[in-house]
Amino acid sequence: MPDAERNDLVQIHKTILEPHERPDNLPPSTAAVPYECWIKGFLMDESANMGDEVRVKTFIGREISGVLYQVSPKYDHNFGEAQKEILSIGYEARQQLENKHEGNRE
């Protein structure tokens, strides 16, 4: 049984530039690794297994090929831990707006 079938939401992996193709002005640690991307889209092939070269149609309609990396990818990003320095920004902004609004009444 295949890992994915046509129209399944999948994620592909694609190497854009190999290390030897990258610009000379990059830091050595960056230049030493490939420039890669992971793209989500809908499988255009009839079926595929992990590691197969496939074509996908992205949410904006682009057709891109790459290696099948994940089926039904989840969104697992976040905004990191709360930063103490910015926790009060919303409150402070509201206070400033209220004070400015009250100043305009006079």
C-alpha atoms as a PDB file:
ATOM      1  CA  MET A   1       0.000   0.000   0.000  1.00  0.00           C
ATOM      2  CA  PRO A   2       1.435   3.418  -0.927  1.00  0.00           C
ATOM      3  CA  ASP A   3       2.227   6.041   1.701  1.00  0.00           C
ATOM      4  CA  ALA A   4       0.314   8.736  -0.220  1.00  0.00           C
ATOM      5  CA  GLU A   5      -2.281   8.937  -2.963  1.00  0.00           C
ATOM      6  CA  ARG A   6      -3.277  11.627  -5.459  1.00  0.00           C
ATOM      7  CA  ASN A   7      -4.475  14.870  -3.805  1.00  0.00           C
ATOM      8  CA  ASP A   8      -3.124  13.951  -0.350  1.00  0.00           C
ATOM      9  CA  LEU A   9      -1.464  16.873   1.415  1.00  0.00           C
ATOM     10  CA  VAL A  10       2.248  16.072   1.520  1.00  0.00           C
ATOM     11  CA  GLN A  11       5.575  17.734   2.139  1.00  0.00           C
ATOM     12  CA  ILE A  12       8.481  17.387  -0.240  1.00  0.00           C
ATOM     13  CA  HIS A  13      12.169  18.096   0.188  1.00  0.00           C
ATOM     14  CA  LYS A  14      14.211  19.752  -2.520  1.00  0.00           C
ATOM     15  CA  THR A  15      17.851  20.799  -2.718  1.00  0.00           C
ATOM     16  CA  ILE A  16      18.047  24.168  -4.449  1.00  0.00           C
ATOM     17  CA  LEU A  17      21.845  24.596  -4.457  1.00  0.00           C
ATOM     18  CA  GLU A  18      24.624  22.161  -3.632  1.00  0.00           C
ATOM     19  CA  PRO A  19      27.506  23.550  -1.550  1.00  0.00           C
ATOM     20  CA  HIS A  20      29.740  24.038  -4.618  1.00  0.00           C
ATOM     21  CA  GLU A  21      26.976  26.091  -6.307  1.00  0.00           C
ATOM     22  CA  ARG A  22      26.543  28.568  -3.443  1.00  0.00           C
ATOM     23  CA  PRO A  23      27.946  32.120  -3.580  1.00  0.00           C
ATOM     24  CA  ASP A  24      31.515  32.726  -2.464  1.00  0.00           C
ATOM     25  CA  ASN A  25      30.566  35.515  -0.060  1.00  0.00           C
ATOM     26  CA  LEU A  26      28.784  33.223   2.440  1.00  0.00           C
ATOM     27  CA  PRO A  27      30.248  32.357   5.843  1.00  0.00           C
ATOM     28  CA  PRO A  28      32.147  29.046   5.614  1.00  0.00           C
ATOM     29  CA  SER A  29      29.689  27.213   7.876  1.00  0.00           C
ATOM     30  CA  THR A  30      26.795  28.247   5.615  1.00  0.00           C
ATOM     31  CA  ALA A  31      28.640  27.598   2.336  1.00  0.00           C
ATOM     32  CA  ALA A  32      29.475  24.045   3.438  1.00  0.00           C
ATOM     33  CA  VAL A  33      25.866  22.846   3.419  1.00  0.00           C
ATOM     34  CA  PRO A  34      23.256  22.650   0.651  1.00  0.00           C
ATOM     35  CA  TYR A  35      20.512  25.259   0.320  1.00  0.00           C
ATOM     36  CA  GLU A  36      17.342  23.231   0.854  1.00  0.00           C
ATOM     37  CA  CYS A  37      13.604  23.745   1.100  1.00  0.00           C
ATOM     38  CA  TRP A  38      10.599  21.806   2.300  1.00  0.00           C
ATOM     39  CA  ILE A  39       7.366  22.505   0.443  1.00  0.00           C
ATOM     40  CA  LYS A  40       3.793  21.499   1.241  1.00  0.00           C
ATOM     41  CA  GLY A  41       1.327  20.727  -1.519  1.00  0.00           C
ATOM     42  CA  PHE A  42      -1.117  18.248  -2.953  1.00  0.00           C
ATOM     43  CA  LEU A  43       0.291  15.111  -4.542  1.00  0.00           C
ATOM     44  CA  MET A  44      -0.207  15.100  -8.310  1.00  0.00           C
ATOM     45  CA  ASP A  45       1.029  11.532  -8.874  1.00  0.00           C
ATOM     46  CA  GLU A  46      -1.398   8.592  -8.567  1.00  0.00           C
ATOM     47  CA  SER A  47       0.493   7.291  -5.524  1.00  0.00           C
ATOM     48  CA  ALA A  48       3.912   7.480  -3.919  1.00  0.00           C
ATOM     49  CA  ASN A  49       6.064   6.162  -1.118  1.00  0.00           C
ATOM     50  CA  MET A  50       8.430   8.051   1.153  1.00  0.00           C
ATOM     51  CA  GLY A  51      11.625   8.876  -0.713  1.00  0.00           C
ATOM     52  CA  ASP A  52       9.992   8.837  -4.171  1.00  0.00           C
ATOM     53  CA  GLU A  53      10.467  11.761  -6.553  1.00  0.00           C
ATOM     54  CA  VAL A  54       6.988  13.324  -6.876  1.00  0.00           C
ATOM     55  CA  ARG A  55       5.169  16.395  -8.164  1.00  0.00           C
ATOM     56  CA  VAL A  56       2.952  18.536  -5.972  1.00  0.00           C
ATOM     57  CA  LYS A  57       0.651  21.483  -6.536  1.00  0.00           C
ATOM     58  CA  THR A  58       1.121  24.110  -3.833  1.00  0.00           C
ATOM     59  CA  PHE A  59      -1.634  26.110  -2.176  1.00  0.00           C
ATOM     60  CA  ILE A  60      -1.002  28.947  -4.650  1.00  0.00           C
ATOM     61  CA  GLY A  61      -1.053  26.640  -7.678  1.00  0.00           C
ATOM     62  CA  ARG A  62       2.676  26.181  -8.372  1.00  0.00           C
ATOM     63  CA  GLU A  63       3.739  22.736  -9.567  1.00  0.00           C
ATOM     64  CA  ILE A  64       7.013  21.605  -8.004  1.00  0.00           C
ATOM     65  CA  SER A  65       8.901  18.339  -7.877  1.00  0.00           C
ATOM     66  CA  GLY A  66      10.897  16.933  -4.993  1.00  0.00           C
ATOM     67  CA  VAL A  67      11.350  13.918  -2.768  1.00  0.00           C
ATOM     68  CA  LEU A  68       8.335  12.851  -0.715  1.00  0.00           C
ATOM     69  CA  TYR A  69       9.260  13.699   2.861  1.00  0.00           C
ATOM     70  CA  GLN A  70       6.019  13.565   4.869  1.00  0.00           C
ATOM     71  CA  VAL A  71       2.335  12.741   4.410  1.00  0.00           C
ATOM     72  CA  SER A  72      -0.277  14.920   6.135  1.00  0.00           C
ATOM     73  CA  PRO A  73       2.362  17.293   7.532  1.00  0.00           C
ATOM     74  CA  LYS A  74       1.467  19.075  10.718  1.00  0.00           C
ATOM     75  CA  TYR A  75       2.182  22.666  11.564  1.00  0.00           C
ATOM     76  CA  ASP A  76       4.437  22.522  14.593  1.00  0.00           C
ATOM     77  CA  HIS A  77       5.971  25.983  14.645  1.00  0.00           C
ATOM     78  CA  ASN A  78       5.415  28.447  17.441  1.00  0.00           C
ATOM     79  CA  PHE A  79       6.566  31.886  18.518  1.00  0.00           C
ATOM     80  CA  GLY A  80       8.959  30.619  21.171  1.00  0.00           C
ATOM     81  CA  GLU A  81       8.944  31.421  24.849  1.00  0.00           C
ATOM     82  CA  ALA A  82       7.396  34.611  26.173  1.00  0.00           C
ATOM     83  CA  GLN A  83       9.856  37.508  26.322  1.00  0.00           C
ATOM     84  CA  LYS A  84       9.588  39.406  29.585  1.00  0.00           C
ATOM     85  CA  GLU A  85      10.571  42.688  27.900  1.00  0.00           C
ATOM     86  CA  ILE A  86       7.580  42.685  25.545  1.00  0.00           C
ATOM     87  CA  LEU A  87       4.821  41.215  27.723  1.00  0.00           C
ATOM     88  CA  SER A  88       3.488  44.610  28.754  1.00  0.00           C
ATOM     89  CA  ILE A  89       3.533  46.236  25.297  1.00  0.00           C
ATOM     90  CA  GLY A  90      -0.184  45.698  24.607  1.00  0.00           C
ATOM     91  CA  TYR A  91      -1.186  47.118  27.963  1.00  0.00           C
ATOM     92  CA  GLU A  92       1.158  50.106  27.619  1.00  0.00           C
ATOM     93  CA  ALA A  93      -0.100  50.860  24.097  1.00  0.00           C
ATOM     94  CA  ARG A  94      -3.729  50.801  25.286  1.00  0.00           C
ATOM     95  CA  GLN A  95      -2.867  53.144  28.132  1.00  0.00           C
ATOM     96  CA  GLN A  96      -1.159  55.574  25.750  1.00  0.00           C
ATOM     97  CA  LEU A  97      -4.112  55.521  23.365  1.00  0.00           C
ATOM     98  CA  GLU A  98      -6.584  56.090  26.196  1.00  0.00           C
ATOM     99  CA  ASN A  99      -4.501  58.976  27.554  1.00  0.00           C
ATOM    100  CA  LYS A 100      -4.255  60.523  24.081  1.00  0.00           C
ATOM    101  CA  HIS A 101      -7.998  60.096  23.543  1.00  0.00           C
ATOM    102  CA  GLU A 102      -8.781  61.707  26.896  1.00  0.00           C
ATOM    103  CA  GLY A 103      -6.448  64.602  26.034  1.00  0.00           C
ATOM    104  CA  ASN A 104      -8.418  65.290  22.826  1.00  0.00           C
ATOM    105  CA  ARG A 105     -11.677  65.798  24.758  1.00  0.00           C
ATOM    106  CA  GLU A 106     -10.490  69.036  26.293  1.00  0.00           C
END
